[in-house]
PDB file of N, CA and C in Angstrom:
ATOM      1  N   MET A   1       0.942  -1.159   0.088  1.00  0.00           N
ATOM      2  CA  MET A   1      -0.117   0.122  -0.035  1.00  0.00           C
ATOM      3  C   MET A   1       0.916   1.168  -0.003  1.00  0.00           C
ATOM      4  N   SER A   2       1.932   1.309   0.852  1.00  0.00           N
ATOM      5  CA  SER A   2       2.713   2.377   0.946  1.00  0.00           C
ATOM      6  C   SER A   2       3.510   2.692  -0.357  1.00  0.00           C
ATOM      7  N   ALA A   3       3.875   1.486  -1.050  1.00  0.00           N
ATOM      8  CA  ALA A   3       4.528   1.636  -2.357  1.00  0.00           C
ATOM      9  C   ALA A   3       3.673   2.393  -3.424  1.00  0.00           C
ATOM     10  N   LEU A   4       2.579   2.145  -3.347  1.00  0.00           N
ATOM     11  CA  LEU A   4       1.510   2.875  -4.204  1.00  0.00           C
ATOM     12  C   LEU A   4       1.476   4.211  -4.077  1.00  0.00           C
ATOM     13  N   PHE A   5       1.659   4.698  -2.875  1.00  0.00           N
ATOM     14  CA  PHE A   5       1.531   6.190  -2.426  1.00  0.00           C
ATOM     15  C   PHE A   5       2.978   6.708  -2.736  1.00  0.00           C
ATOM     16  N   GLU A   6       3.991   5.932  -2.565  1.00  0.00           N
ATOM     17  CA  GLU A   6       5.381   6.586  -3.038  1.00  0.00           C
ATOM     18  C   GLU A   6       5.408   6.818  -4.471  1.00  0.00           C
ATOM     19  N   LYS A   7       4.782   5.935  -5.174  1.00  0.00           N
ATOM     20  CA  LYS A   7       4.837   6.058  -6.727  1.00  0.00           C
ATOM     21  C   LYS A   7       3.998   7.221  -7.279  1.00  0.00           C
ATOM     22  N   THR A   8       2.930   7.390  -6.387  1.00  0.00           N
ATOM     23  CA  THR A   8       2.015   8.491  -6.846  1.00  0.00           C
ATOM     24  C   THR A   8       1.595   9.297  -5.591  1.00  0.00           C
ATOM     25  N   PRO A   9       2.539  10.386  -5.335  1.00  0.00           N
ATOM     26  CA  PRO A   9       2.228  11.098  -4.170  1.00  0.00           C
ATOM     27  C   PRO A   9       0.954  11.972  -4.169  1.00  0.00           C
ATOM     28  N   HIS A  10       0.429  12.151  -5.411  1.00  0.00           N
ATOM     29  CA  HIS A  10      -0.830  12.860  -5.315  1.00  0.00           C
ATOM     30  C   HIS A  10      -2.013  12.026  -4.707  1.00  0.00           C
ATOM     31  N   LEU A  11      -1.933  10.682  -4.677  1.00  0.00           N
ATOM     32  CA  LEU A  11      -2.952   9.870  -3.921  1.00  0.00           C
ATOM     33  C   LEU A  11      -2.957  10.157  -2.515  1.00  0.00           C
ATOM     34  N   SER A  12      -1.625  10.217  -1.912  1.00  0.00           N
ATOM     35  CA  SER A  12      -1.605  10.557  -0.491  1.00  0.00           C
ATOM     36  C   SER A  12      -2.166  11.924  -0.190  1.00  0.00           C
ATOM     37  N   ILE A  13      -1.892  12.778  -1.085  1.00  0.00           N
ATOM     38  CA  ILE A  13      -2.267  14.341  -0.638  1.00  0.00           C
ATOM     39  C   ILE A  13      -3.895  14.249  -0.891  1.00  0.00           C
ATOM     40  N   LEU A  14      -4.455  13.438  -1.862  1.00  0.00           N
ATOM     41  CA  LEU A  14      -5.866  13.346  -1.967  1.00  0.00           C
ATOM     42  C   LEU A  14      -6.570  12.542  -0.999  1.00  0.00           C
ATOM     43  N   ALA A  15      -5.877  11.519  -0.354  1.00  0.00           N
ATOM     44  CA  ALA A  15      -6.339  10.868   0.804  1.00  0.00           C
ATOM     45  C   ALA A  15      -6.507  11.796   2.068  1.00  0.00           C
ATOM     46  N   ILE A  16      -5.487  12.469   2.357  1.00  0.00           N
ATOM     47  CA  ILE A  16      -5.411  13.451   3.415  1.00  0.00           C
ATOM     48  C   ILE A  16      -6.446  14.509   3.469  1.00  0.00           C
ATOM     49  N   ALA A  17      -6.738  14.983   1.935  1.00  0.00           N
ATOM     50  CA  ALA A  17      -7.609  15.991   1.797  1.00  0.00           C
ATOM     51  C   ALA A  17      -8.852  15.410   1.949  1.00  0.00           C
ATOM     52  N   ILE A  18      -9.357  14.290   1.619  1.00  0.00           N
ATOM     53  CA  ILE A  18     -10.581  13.678   1.796  1.00  0.00           C
ATOM     54  C   ILE A  18     -11.001  13.475   3.210  1.00  0.00           C
ATOM     55  N   VAL A  19     -10.100  13.038   3.974  1.00  0.00           N
ATOM     56  CA  VAL A  19     -10.104  12.793   5.379  1.00  0.00           C
ATOM     57  C   VAL A  19     -10.222  14.030   6.235  1.00  0.00           C
ATOM     58  N   ALA A  20      -9.567  15.128   5.732  1.00  0.00           N
ATOM     59  CA  ALA A  20      -9.663  16.281   6.458  1.00  0.00           C
ATOM     60  C   ALA A  20     -11.055  17.012   6.199  1.00  0.00           C
ATOM     61  N   SER A  21     -11.535  16.813   4.864  1.00  0.00           N
ATOM     62  CA  SER A  21     -12.763  17.358   4.456  1.00  0.00           C
ATOM     63  C   SER A  21     -13.913  16.646   5.190  1.00  0.00           C
ATOM     64  N   TYR A  22     -13.787  15.376   5.456  1.00  0.00           N
ATOM     65  CA  TYR A  22     -14.754  14.722   6.086  1.00  0.00           C
ATOM     66  C   TYR A  22     -14.802  15.100   7.569  1.00  0.00           C
ATOM     67  N   LEU A  23     -13.757  15.402   8.298  1.00  0.00           N
ATOM     68  CA  LEU A  23     -13.621  15.850   9.751  1.00  0.00           C
ATOM     69  C   LEU A  23     -14.152  17.106   9.677  1.00  0.00           C
ATOM     70  N   VAL A  24     -13.808  18.019   8.740  1.00  0.00           N
ATOM     71  CA  VAL A  24     -14.370  19.424   8.901  1.00  0.00           C
ATOM     72  C   VAL A  24     -16.069  19.402   8.803  1.00  0.00           C
ATOM     73  N   PHE A  25     -16.504  18.517   7.720  1.00  0.00           N
ATOM     74  CA  PHE A  25     -17.910  18.391   7.510  1.00  0.00           C
ATOM     75  C   PHE A  25     -18.649  17.747   8.917  1.00  0.00           C
ATOM     76  N   VAL A  26     -18.002  16.843   9.581  1.00  0.00           N
ATOM     77  CA  VAL A  26     -18.645  16.254  10.668  1.00  0.00           C
ATOM     78  C   VAL A  26     -18.683  17.231  11.944  1.00  0.00           C
ATOM     79  N   TRP A  27     -17.629  18.071  12.020  1.00  0.00           N
ATOM     80  CA  TRP A  27     -17.454  19.104  12.976  1.00  0.00           C
ATOM     81  C   TRP A  27     -18.586  20.267  12.829  1.00  0.00           C
ATOM     82  N   LEU A  28     -18.683  20.634  11.450  1.00  0.00           N
ATOM     83  CA  LEU A  28     -19.592  21.729  11.102  1.00  0.00           C
ATOM     84  C   LEU A  28     -21.036  21.126  11.337  1.00  0.00           C
ATOM     85  N   ALA A  29     -21.230  19.976  10.882  1.00  0.00           N
ATOM     86  CA  ALA A  29     -22.675  19.435  11.150  1.00  0.00           C
ATOM     87  C   ALA A  29     -22.967  19.418  12.647  1.00  0.00           C
ATOM     88  N   SER A  30     -22.043  18.945  13.362  1.00  0.00           N
ATOM     89  CA  SER A  30     -22.325  18.958  14.938  1.00  0.00           C
ATOM     90  C   SER A  30     -22.461  20.388  15.482  1.00  0.00           C
ATOM     91  N   CYS A  31     -21.710  21.277  14.913  1.00  0.00           N
ATOM     92  CA  CYS A  31     -21.839  22.769  15.285  1.00  0.00           C
ATOM     93  C   CYS A  31     -23.221  23.197  14.999  1.00  0.00           C
ATOM     94  N   LEU A  32     -23.825  23.064  13.856  1.00  0.00           N
ATOM     95  CA  LEU A  32     -25.000  23.425  13.298  1.00  0.00           C
ATOM     96  C   LEU A  32     -26.010  22.704  14.188  1.00  0.00           C
ATOM     97  N   LYS A  33     -26.003  21.384  14.609  1.00  0.00           N
ATOM     98  CA  LYS A  33     -26.994  20.818  15.467  1.00  0.00           C
ATOM     99  C   LYS A  33     -26.880  21.480  16.888  1.00  0.00           C
ATOM    100  N   SER A  34     -25.771  21.879  17.430  1.00  0.00           N
ATOM    101  CA  SER A  34     -25.823  22.228  18.729  1.00  0.00           C
ATOM    102  C   SER A  34     -26.323  23.729  18.571  1.00  0.00           C
ATOM    103  N   TYR A  35     -26.066  24.582  17.459  1.00  0.00           N
ATOM    104  CA  TYR A  35     -26.573  25.776  17.471  1.00  0.00           C
ATOM    105  C   TYR A  35     -28.184  25.869  17.300  1.00  0.00           C
ATOM    106  N   ARG A  36     -28.735  24.752  16.657  1.00  0.00           N
ATOM    107  CA  ARG A  36     -30.184  24.746  16.553  1.00  0.00           C
ATOM    108  C   ARG A  36     -30.819  24.059  17.582  1.00  0.00           C
ATOM    109  N   SER A  37     -30.109  23.688  18.585  1.00  0.00           N
ATOM    110  CA  SER A  37     -30.625  22.925  19.582  1.00  0.00           C
ATOM    111  C   SER A  37     -31.667  23.802  20.569  1.00  0.00           C
ATOM    112  N   PRO A  38     -32.517  23.178  21.158  1.00  0.00           N
ATOM    113  CA  PRO A  38     -33.513  23.939  22.140  1.00  0.00           C
ATOM    114  C   PRO A  38     -32.787  24.590  23.129  1.00  0.00           C
ATOM    115  N   LEU A  39     -31.526  24.030  23.466  1.00  0.00           N
ATOM    116  CA  LEU A  39     -30.737  24.664  24.586  1.00  0.00           C
ATOM    117  C   LEU A  39     -30.046  25.918  24.153  1.00  0.00           C
ATOM    118  N   SER A  40     -30.069  26.266  22.854  1.00  0.00           N
ATOM    119  CA  SER A  40     -29.537  27.495  22.428  1.00  0.00           C
ATOM    120  C   SER A  40     -30.198  28.810  22.986  1.00  0.00           C
ATOM    121  N   ALA A  41     -31.277  28.555  23.571  1.00  0.00           N
ATOM    122  CA  ALA A  41     -32.004  29.730  24.085  1.00  0.00           C
ATOM    123  C   ALA A  41     -31.415  30.256  25.545  1.00  0.00           C
ATOM    124  N   PHE A  42     -30.666  29.343  26.113  1.00  0.00           N
ATOM    125  CA  PHE A  42     -30.207  29.503  27.285  1.00  0.00           C
ATOM    126  C   PHE A  42     -28.771  30.325  27.227  1.00  0.00           C
ATOM    127  N   PRO A  43     -28.543  31.467  28.100  1.00  0.00           N
ATOM    128  CA  PRO A  43     -27.311  32.295  27.951  1.00  0.00           C
ATOM    129  C   PRO A  43     -25.989  31.419  28.370  1.00  0.00           C
ATOM    130  N   GLY A  44     -24.832  31.877  27.912  1.00  0.00           N
ATOM    131  CA  GLY A  44     -23.702  31.198  28.192  1.00  0.00           C
ATOM    132  C   GLY A  44     -22.504  31.782  27.370  1.00  0.00           C
ATOM    133  N   PRO A  45     -21.291  31.191  27.537  1.00  0.00           N
ATOM    134  CA  PRO A  45     -20.183  31.716  26.609  1.00  0.00           C
ATOM    135  C   PRO A  45     -20.470  31.356  25.191  1.00  0.00           C
ATOM    136  N   TRP A  46     -19.684  32.084  24.348  1.00  0.00           N
ATOM    137  CA  TRP A  46     -19.964  31.888  22.924  1.00  0.00           C
ATOM    138  C   TRP A  46     -19.646  30.433  22.419  1.00  0.00           C
ATOM    139  N   TYR A  47     -18.617  29.804  23.186  1.00  0.00           N
ATOM    140  CA  TYR A  47     -18.155  28.430  22.687  1.00  0.00           C
ATOM    141  C   TYR A  47     -18.962  27.333  23.196  1.00  0.00           C
ATOM    142  N   ALA A  48     -20.004  27.576  24.198  1.00  0.00           N
ATOM    143  CA  ALA A  48     -20.650  26.536  24.902  1.00  0.00           C
ATOM    144  C   ALA A  48     -21.426  25.691  23.921  1.00  0.00           C
ATOM    145  N   PRO A  49     -22.066  26.206  22.784  1.00  0.00           N
ATOM    146  CA  PRO A  49     -22.660  25.260  21.983  1.00  0.00           C
ATOM    147  C   PRO A  49     -21.850  24.350  21.269  1.00  0.00           C
ATOM    148  N   PHE A  50     -20.646  24.782  21.148  1.00  0.00           N
ATOM    149  CA  PHE A  50     -19.759  23.844  20.239  1.00  0.00           C
ATOM    150  C   PHE A  50     -18.760  23.040  20.855  1.00  0.00           C
ATOM    151  N   PHE A  51     -18.172  23.368  21.968  1.00  0.00           N
ATOM    152  CA  PHE A  51     -17.020  22.720  22.665  1.00  0.00           C
ATOM    153  C   PHE A  51     -17.338  22.318  24.143  1.00  0.00           C
ATOM    154  N   THR A  52     -16.861  21.182  24.571  1.00  0.00           N
ATOM    155  CA  THR A  52     -16.816  20.605  25.958  1.00  0.00           C
ATOM    156  C   THR A  52     -15.547  20.698  26.485  1.00  0.00           C
ATOM    157  N   ALA A  53     -14.557  21.012  25.818  1.00  0.00           N
ATOM    158  CA  ALA A  53     -13.071  20.991  26.193  1.00  0.00           C
ATOM    159  C   ALA A  53     -12.913  22.124  27.538  1.00  0.00           C
ATOM    160  N   PRO A  54     -13.463  23.093  27.554  1.00  0.00           N
ATOM    161  CA  PRO A  54     -13.208  24.066  28.654  1.00  0.00           C
ATOM    162  C   PRO A  54     -13.852  23.426  29.999  1.00  0.00           C
ATOM    163  N   LEU A  55     -14.986  22.878  29.978  1.00  0.00           N
ATOM    164  CA  LEU A  55     -15.634  22.006  30.996  1.00  0.00           C
ATOM    165  C   LEU A  55     -14.805  20.927  31.491  1.00  0.00           C
ATOM    166  N   GLN A  56     -14.338  20.146  30.560  1.00  0.00           N
ATOM    167  CA  GLN A  56     -13.555  19.016  30.959  1.00  0.00           C
ATOM    168  C   GLN A  56     -12.342  19.386  31.575  1.00  0.00           C
ATOM    169  N   VAL A  57     -11.670  20.517  31.144  1.00  0.00           N
ATOM    170  CA  VAL A  57     -10.367  21.081  31.685  1.00  0.00           C
ATOM    171  C   VAL A  57     -10.616  21.390  33.291  1.00  0.00           C
ATOM    172  N   ALA A  58     -11.970  22.172  33.422  1.00  0.00           N
ATOM    173  CA  ALA A  58     -12.238  22.538  34.702  1.00  0.00           C
ATOM    174  C   ALA A  58     -12.562  21.356  35.627  1.00  0.00           C
ATOM    175  N   PHE A  59     -13.122  20.347  35.130  1.00  0.00           N
ATOM    176  CA  PHE A  59     -13.342  19.140  36.007  1.00  0.00           C
ATOM    177  C   PHE A  59     -12.231  18.477  36.288  1.00  0.00           C
ATOM    178  N   SER A  60     -11.151  18.366  35.327  1.00  0.00           N
ATOM    179  CA  SER A  60      -9.968  17.692  35.668  1.00  0.00           C
ATOM    180  C   SER A  60      -9.189  18.344  36.630  1.00  0.00           C
ATOM    181  N   ARG A  61      -9.252  19.650  36.676  1.00  0.00           N
ATOM    182  CA  ARG A  61      -8.434  20.622  37.536  1.00  0.00           C
ATOM    183  C   ARG A  61      -9.166  20.653  38.944  1.00  0.00           C
ATOM    184  N   GLY A  62     -10.495  20.360  39.088  1.00  0.00           N
ATOM    185  CA  GLY A  62     -11.146  20.545  40.142  1.00  0.00           C
ATOM    186  C   GLY A  62     -11.571  21.891  40.453  1.00  0.00           C
ATOM    187  N   THR A  63     -11.637  22.800  39.400  1.00  0.00           N
ATOM    188  CA  THR A  63     -11.958  24.169  39.555  1.00  0.00           C
ATOM    189  C   THR A  63     -13.344  24.442  38.812  1.00  0.00           C
ATOM    190  N   VAL A  64     -14.053  23.369  38.517  1.00  0.00           N
ATOM    191  CA  VAL A  64     -15.261  23.643  37.711  1.00  0.00           C
ATOM    192  C   VAL A  64     -16.452  24.471  38.581  1.00  0.00           C
ATOM    193  N   TRP A  65     -16.266  24.192  39.978  1.00  0.00           N
ATOM    194  CA  TRP A  65     -17.076  25.148  40.627  1.00  0.00           C
ATOM    195  C   TRP A  65     -16.771  26.662  40.589  1.00  0.00           C
ATOM    196  N   LYS A  66     -15.617  27.016  40.529  1.00  0.00           N
ATOM    197  CA  LYS A  66     -15.354  28.297  40.269  1.00  0.00           C
ATOM    198  C   LYS A  66     -15.909  28.921  38.784  1.00  0.00           C
ATOM    199  N   ASP A  67     -15.708  28.141  37.928  1.00  0.00           N
ATOM    200  CA  ASP A  67     -16.096  28.414  36.484  1.00  0.00           C
ATOM    201  C   ASP A  67     -17.695  28.547  36.533  1.00  0.00           C
ATOM    202  N   VAL A  68     -18.339  27.676  37.237  1.00  0.00           N
ATOM    203  CA  VAL A  68     -19.806  27.746  37.113  1.00  0.00           C
ATOM    204  C   VAL A  68     -20.280  28.885  38.057  1.00  0.00           C
ATOM    205  N   GLU A  69     -19.675  29.121  39.158  1.00  0.00           N
ATOM    206  CA  GLU A  69     -20.064  30.503  39.942  1.00  0.00           C
ATOM    207  C   GLU A  69     -19.880  31.672  39.088  1.00  0.00           C
ATOM    208  N   ASN A  70     -18.627  31.775  38.332  1.00  0.00           N
ATOM    209  CA  ASN A  70     -18.413  33.067  37.553  1.00  0.00           C
ATOM    210  C   ASN A  70     -19.324  33.109  36.441  1.00  0.00           C
ATOM    211  N   ALA A  71     -19.674  31.832  35.755  1.00  0.00           N
ATOM    212  CA  ALA A  71     -20.774  31.965  34.789  1.00  0.00           C
ATOM    213  C   ALA A  71     -22.221  32.388  35.262  1.00  0.00           C
ATOM    214  N   HIS A  72     -22.527  31.855  36.378  1.00  0.00           N
ATOM    215  CA  HIS A  72     -23.824  32.528  37.073  1.00  0.00           C
ATOM    216  C   HIS A  72     -23.784  33.777  37.389  1.00  0.00           C
ATOM    217  N   ALA A  73     -22.683  34.380  37.828  1.00  0.00           N
ATOM    218  CA  ALA A  73     -22.505  35.678  38.070  1.00  0.00           C
ATOM    219  C   ALA A  73     -22.727  36.566  36.721  1.00  0.00           C
ATOM    220  N   LYS A  74     -22.055  36.149  35.735  1.00  0.00           N
ATOM    221  CA  LYS A  74     -22.174  36.780  34.435  1.00  0.00           C
ATOM    222  C   LYS A  74     -23.448  36.729  33.627  1.00  0.00           C
ATOM    223  N   TYR A  75     -23.946  35.437  33.718  1.00  0.00           N
ATOM    224  CA  TYR A  75     -24.997  35.160  32.800  1.00  0.00           C
ATOM    225  C   TYR A  75     -26.424  34.887  33.542  1.00  0.00           C
ATOM    226  N   GLY A  76     -26.554  34.818  34.685  1.00  0.00           N
ATOM    227  CA  GLY A  76     -27.859  34.602  35.509  1.00  0.00           C
ATOM    228  C   GLY A  76     -27.739  33.181  36.083  1.00  0.00           C
ATOM    229  N   PRO A  77     -29.207  32.893  36.547  1.00  0.00           N
ATOM    230  CA  PRO A  77     -29.329  31.602  37.321  1.00  0.00           C
ATOM    231  C   PRO A  77     -29.369  30.365  36.371  1.00  0.00           C
ATOM    232  N   VAL A  78     -29.499  30.535  35.249  1.00  0.00           N
ATOM    233  CA  VAL A  78     -29.488  29.387  34.246  1.00  0.00           C
ATOM    234  C   VAL A  78     -28.460  29.529  33.170  1.00  0.00           C
ATOM    235  N   VAL A  79     -27.501  28.672  33.106  1.00  0.00           N
ATOM    236  CA  VAL A  79     -26.287  28.840  32.139  1.00  0.00           C
ATOM    237  C   VAL A  79     -26.090  27.792  31.233  1.00  0.00           C
ATOM    238  N   ARG A  80     -25.856  27.798  30.014  1.00  0.00           N
ATOM    239  CA  ARG A  80     -25.414  26.831  29.259  1.00  0.00           C
ATOM    240  C   ARG A  80     -23.722  26.871  29.245  1.00  0.00           C
ATOM    241  N   LEU A  81     -23.212  25.698  29.667  1.00  0.00           N
ATOM    242  CA  LEU A  81     -21.760  25.690  29.616  1.00  0.00           C
ATOM    243  C   LEU A  81     -21.164  24.689  28.637  1.00  0.00           C
ATOM    244  N   GLY A  82     -21.926  24.047  27.865  1.00  0.00           N
ATOM    245  CA  GLY A  82     -21.492  23.040  26.935  1.00  0.00           C
ATOM    246  C   GLY A  82     -22.700  22.717  26.008  1.00  0.00           C
ATOM    247  N   PRO A  83     -22.431  21.818  24.904  1.00  0.00           N
ATOM    248  CA  PRO A  83     -23.475  21.444  23.968  1.00  0.00           C
ATOM    249  C   PRO A  83     -24.616  20.921  24.616  1.00  0.00           C
ATOM    250  N   ARG A  84     -24.486  20.003  25.825  1.00  0.00           N
ATOM    251  CA  ARG A  84     -25.542  19.461  26.531  1.00  0.00           C
ATOM    252  C   ARG A  84     -25.486  19.825  28.051  1.00  0.00           C
ATOM    253  N   GLN A  85     -24.938  20.824  28.389  1.00  0.00           N
ATOM    254  CA  GLN A  85     -24.696  21.158  29.879  1.00  0.00           C
ATOM    255  C   GLN A  85     -25.438  22.393  30.197  1.00  0.00           C
ATOM    256  N   ILE A  86     -26.527  22.247  30.925  1.00  0.00           N
ATOM    257  CA  ILE A  86     -27.093  23.397  31.576  1.00  0.00           C
ATOM    258  C   ILE A  86     -27.008  23.319  33.008  1.00  0.00           C
ATOM    259  N   TRP A  87     -26.602  24.386  33.555  1.00  0.00           N
ATOM    260  CA  TRP A  87     -26.333  24.538  35.074  1.00  0.00           C
ATOM    261  C   TRP A  87     -27.470  25.430  35.709  1.00  0.00           C
ATOM    262  N   VAL A  88     -27.973  25.048  36.723  1.00  0.00           N
ATOM    263  CA  VAL A  88     -29.107  25.861  37.357  1.00  0.00           C
ATOM    264  C   VAL A  88     -28.767  26.142  38.890  1.00  0.00           C
ATOM    265  N   ALA A  89     -28.930  27.485  39.181  1.00  0.00           N
ATOM    266  CA  ALA A  89     -28.643  27.975  40.408  1.00  0.00           C
ATOM    267  C   ALA A  89     -29.939  28.674  40.996  1.00  0.00           C
ATOM    268  N   ASP A  90     -31.094  28.325  40.415  1.00  0.00           N
ATOM    269  CA  ASP A  90     -32.253  28.981  40.946  1.00  0.00           C
ATOM    270  C   ASP A  90     -32.918  27.792  41.800  1.00  0.00           C
ATOM    271  N   LYS A  91     -33.220  28.099  43.094  1.00  0.00           N
ATOM    272  CA  LYS A  91     -33.774  27.068  44.102  1.00  0.00           C
ATOM    273  C   LYS A  91     -35.213  26.795  43.603  1.00  0.00           C
ATOM    274  N   TRP A  92     -35.915  27.515  43.034  1.00  0.00           N
ATOM    275  CA  TRP A  92     -37.405  27.380  42.673  1.00  0.00           C
ATOM    276  C   TRP A  92     -37.369  26.408  41.328  1.00  0.00           C
ATOM    277  N   ALA A  93     -36.387  26.796  40.510  1.00  0.00           N
ATOM    278  CA  ALA A  93     -36.271  25.790  39.325  1.00  0.00           C
ATOM    279  C   ALA A  93     -35.854  24.296  39.720  1.00  0.00           C
ATOM    280  N   ILE A  94     -34.866  24.377  40.722  1.00  0.00           N
ATOM    281  CA  ILE A  94     -34.516  22.917  41.128  1.00  0.00           C
ATOM    282  C   ILE A  94     -35.768  22.438  41.845  1.00  0.00           C
ATOM    283  N   LYS A  95     -36.375  23.038  42.600  1.00  0.00           N
ATOM    284  CA  LYS A  95     -37.567  22.402  43.401  1.00  0.00           C
ATOM    285  C   LYS A  95     -38.532  21.999  42.399  1.00  0.00           C
ATOM    286  N   GLU A  96     -38.979  22.709  41.416  1.00  0.00           N
ATOM    287  CA  GLU A  96     -39.839  22.294  40.349  1.00  0.00           C
ATOM    288  C   GLU A  96     -39.353  20.975  39.761  1.00  0.00           C
ATOM    289  N   VAL A  97     -38.044  20.807  39.326  1.00  0.00           N
ATOM    290  CA  VAL A  97     -37.536  19.644  38.631  1.00  0.00           C
ATOM    291  C   VAL A  97     -37.733  18.456  39.567  1.00  0.00           C
ATOM    292  N   LEU A  98     -37.290  18.695  40.842  1.00  0.00           N
ATOM    293  CA  LEU A  98     -37.143  17.499  41.934  1.00  0.00           C
ATOM    294  C   LEU A  98     -38.455  17.097  42.359  1.00  0.00           C
ATOM    295  N   LEU A  99     -39.425  18.089  42.450  1.00  0.00           N
ATOM    296  CA  LEU A  99     -40.712  17.588  43.012  1.00  0.00           C
ATOM    297  C   LEU A  99     -41.827  17.261  41.951  1.00  0.00           C
ATOM    298  N   LYS A 100     -41.785  17.873  40.950  1.00  0.00           N
ATOM    299  CA  LYS A 100     -42.880  17.682  40.076  1.00  0.00           C
ATOM    300  C   LYS A 100     -42.553  17.086  38.670  1.00  0.00           C
ATOM    301  N   GLN A 101     -41.307  17.005  38.310  1.00  0.00           N
ATOM    302  CA  GLN A 101     -40.839  16.364  36.840  1.00  0.00           C
ATOM    303  C   GLN A 101     -39.905  15.345  37.342  1.00  0.00           C
ATOM    304  N   ASP A 102     -39.886  14.208  36.430  1.00  0.00           N
ATOM    305  CA  ASP A 102     -38.813  13.362  36.339  1.00  0.00           C
ATOM    306  C   ASP A 102     -38.266  13.327  34.931  1.00  0.00           C
ATOM    307  N   LEU A 103     -37.270  14.165  34.831  1.00  0.00           N
ATOM    308  CA  LEU A 103     -36.791  14.476  33.508  1.00  0.00           C
ATOM    309  C   LEU A 103     -35.873  13.269  33.088  1.00  0.00           C
ATOM    310  N   PRO A 104     -35.981  12.894  31.957  1.00  0.00           N
ATOM    311  CA  PRO A 104     -35.153  11.730  31.368  1.00  0.00           C
ATOM    312  C   PRO A 104     -33.776  11.940  31.293  1.00  0.00           C
ATOM    313  N   LYS A 105     -32.973  10.852  31.566  1.00  0.00           N
ATOM    314  CA  LYS A 105     -31.500  11.152  31.411  1.00  0.00           C
ATOM    315  C   LYS A 105     -31.142  10.518  30.126  1.00  0.00           C
ATOM    316  N   VAL A 106     -29.836  10.766  29.776  1.00  0.00           N
ATOM    317  CA  VAL A 106     -29.213  10.256  28.494  1.00  0.00           C
ATOM    318  C   VAL A 106     -29.216   8.686  28.502  1.00  0.00           C
ATOM    319  N   VAL A 107     -29.113   8.100  27.440  1.00  0.00           N
ATOM    320  CA  VAL A 107     -29.218   6.654  27.133  1.00  0.00           C
ATOM    321  C   VAL A 107     -28.335   5.973  28.038  1.00  0.00           C
ATOM    322  N   MET A 108     -27.105   6.490  28.380  1.00  0.00           N
ATOM    323  CA  MET A 108     -26.011   5.870  29.173  1.00  0.00           C
ATOM    324  C   MET A 108     -26.757   5.526  30.561  1.00  0.00           C
ATOM    325  N   TYR A 109     -27.625   6.215  31.017  1.00  0.00           N
ATOM    326  CA  TYR A 109     -28.052   5.931  32.294  1.00  0.00           C
ATOM    327  C   TYR A 109     -29.152   4.832  32.304  1.00  0.00           C
ATOM    328  N   SER A 110     -29.784   4.538  31.183  1.00  0.00           N
ATOM    329  CA  SER A 110     -30.797   3.498  30.985  1.00  0.00           C
ATOM    330  C   SER A 110     -30.203   1.979  31.301  1.00  0.00           C
ATOM    331  N   GLU A 111     -28.846   2.006  31.082  1.00  0.00           N
ATOM    332  CA  GLU A 111     -28.243   0.827  31.305  1.00  0.00           C
ATOM    333  C   GLU A 111     -27.984   0.325  32.735  1.00  0.00           C
ATOM    334  N   ILE A 112     -27.934   1.479  33.728  1.00  0.00           N
ATOM    335  CA  ILE A 112     -27.630   1.282  35.062  1.00  0.00           C
ATOM    336  C   ILE A 112     -29.074   1.566  35.779  1.00  0.00           C
ATOM    337  N   SER A 113     -30.015   1.779  35.160  1.00  0.00           N
ATOM    338  CA  SER A 113     -31.337   2.068  35.758  1.00  0.00           C
ATOM    339  C   SER A 113     -32.123   0.852  36.100  1.00  0.00           C
ATOM    340  N   ARG A 114     -32.882   0.949  37.206  1.00  0.00           N
ATOM    341  CA  ARG A 114     -33.839  -0.115  37.547  1.00  0.00           C
ATOM    342  C   ARG A 114     -34.790  -0.418  36.349  1.00  0.00           C
ATOM    343  N   GLU A 115     -35.354   0.607  35.819  1.00  0.00           N
ATOM    344  CA  GLU A 115     -36.275   0.673  34.679  1.00  0.00           C
ATOM    345  C   GLU A 115     -35.748   1.097  33.500  1.00  0.00           C
ATOM    346  N   LYS A 116     -35.394   0.108  32.496  1.00  0.00           N
ATOM    347  CA  LYS A 116     -34.604   0.563  31.440  1.00  0.00           C
ATOM    348  C   LYS A 116     -35.327   1.439  30.493  1.00  0.00           C
ATOM    349  N   GLU A 117     -36.650   1.321  30.408  1.00  0.00           N
ATOM    350  CA  GLU A 117     -37.485   2.296  29.619  1.00  0.00           C
ATOM    351  C   GLU A 117     -37.520   3.670  30.124  1.00  0.00           C
ATOM    352  N   SER A 118     -37.341   3.881  31.275  1.00  0.00           N
ATOM    353  CA  SER A 118     -37.507   5.301  31.785  1.00  0.00           C
ATOM    354  C   SER A 118     -36.448   5.571  32.880  1.00  0.00           C
ATOM    355  N   ALA A 119     -35.269   6.035  32.383  1.00  0.00           N
ATOM    356  CA  ALA A 119     -34.251   6.339  33.433  1.00  0.00           C
ATOM    357  C   ALA A 119     -34.294   7.726  33.764  1.00  0.00           C
ATOM    358  N   GLY A 120     -34.953   8.076  34.916  1.00  0.00           N
ATOM    359  CA  GLY A 120     -35.237   9.507  35.262  1.00  0.00           C
ATOM    360  C   GLY A 120     -34.179   9.934  36.254  1.00  0.00           C
ATOM    361  N   LEU A 121     -34.422  11.026  36.984  1.00  0.00           N
ATOM    362  CA  LEU A 121     -33.503  11.650  37.817  1.00  0.00           C
ATOM    363  C   LEU A 121     -33.262  10.522  39.151  1.00  0.00           C
ATOM    364  N   PHE A 122     -34.295  10.016  39.458  1.00  0.00           N
ATOM    365  CA  PHE A 122     -34.307   9.013  40.568  1.00  0.00           C
ATOM    366  C   PHE A 122     -34.295   7.490  40.202  1.00  0.00           C
ATOM    367  N   GLY A 123     -34.182   7.283  39.015  1.00  0.00           N
ATOM    368  CA  GLY A 123     -34.130   5.828  38.451  1.00  0.00           C
ATOM    369  C   GLY A 123     -32.914   5.139  38.482  1.00  0.00           C
ATOM    370  N   GLU A 124     -31.787   5.589  38.953  1.00  0.00           N
ATOM    371  CA  GLU A 124     -30.425   5.045  38.914  1.00  0.00           C
ATOM    372  C   GLU A 124     -30.339   4.035  40.092  1.00  0.00           C
ATOM    373  N   VAL A 125     -29.408   3.118  39.908  1.00  0.00           N
ATOM    374  CA  VAL A 125     -29.129   2.300  41.109  1.00  0.00           C
ATOM    375  C   VAL A 125     -27.794   2.700  41.725  1.00  0.00           C
TER     376      VAL A 125
END
């Protein structure tokens, strides 16, 4: 296989261009999906709909609480800090969620839930 690329270097450049184009397309599609998400109505930093890296770095450093407090001070009681990350600092909203609604979790939680069909806030083992 490498002999083919050595004889025709334009094939390796073409392969790299195709892979790079595909990766850019996938990233742009995910950015568009995040931007059109119902969560886009929530305030937050400009990068929140597109990247999870800042939040992951804060988690790994143990400073996520500082970043969340700063975000709440800047954007208000409900803040979007990632493509699928909403942080709530309003006690009335939390009370509403905990007492009146059982919001569904992502699919990952259904695997450890008592009830596989409806993994809610209190459905984990």
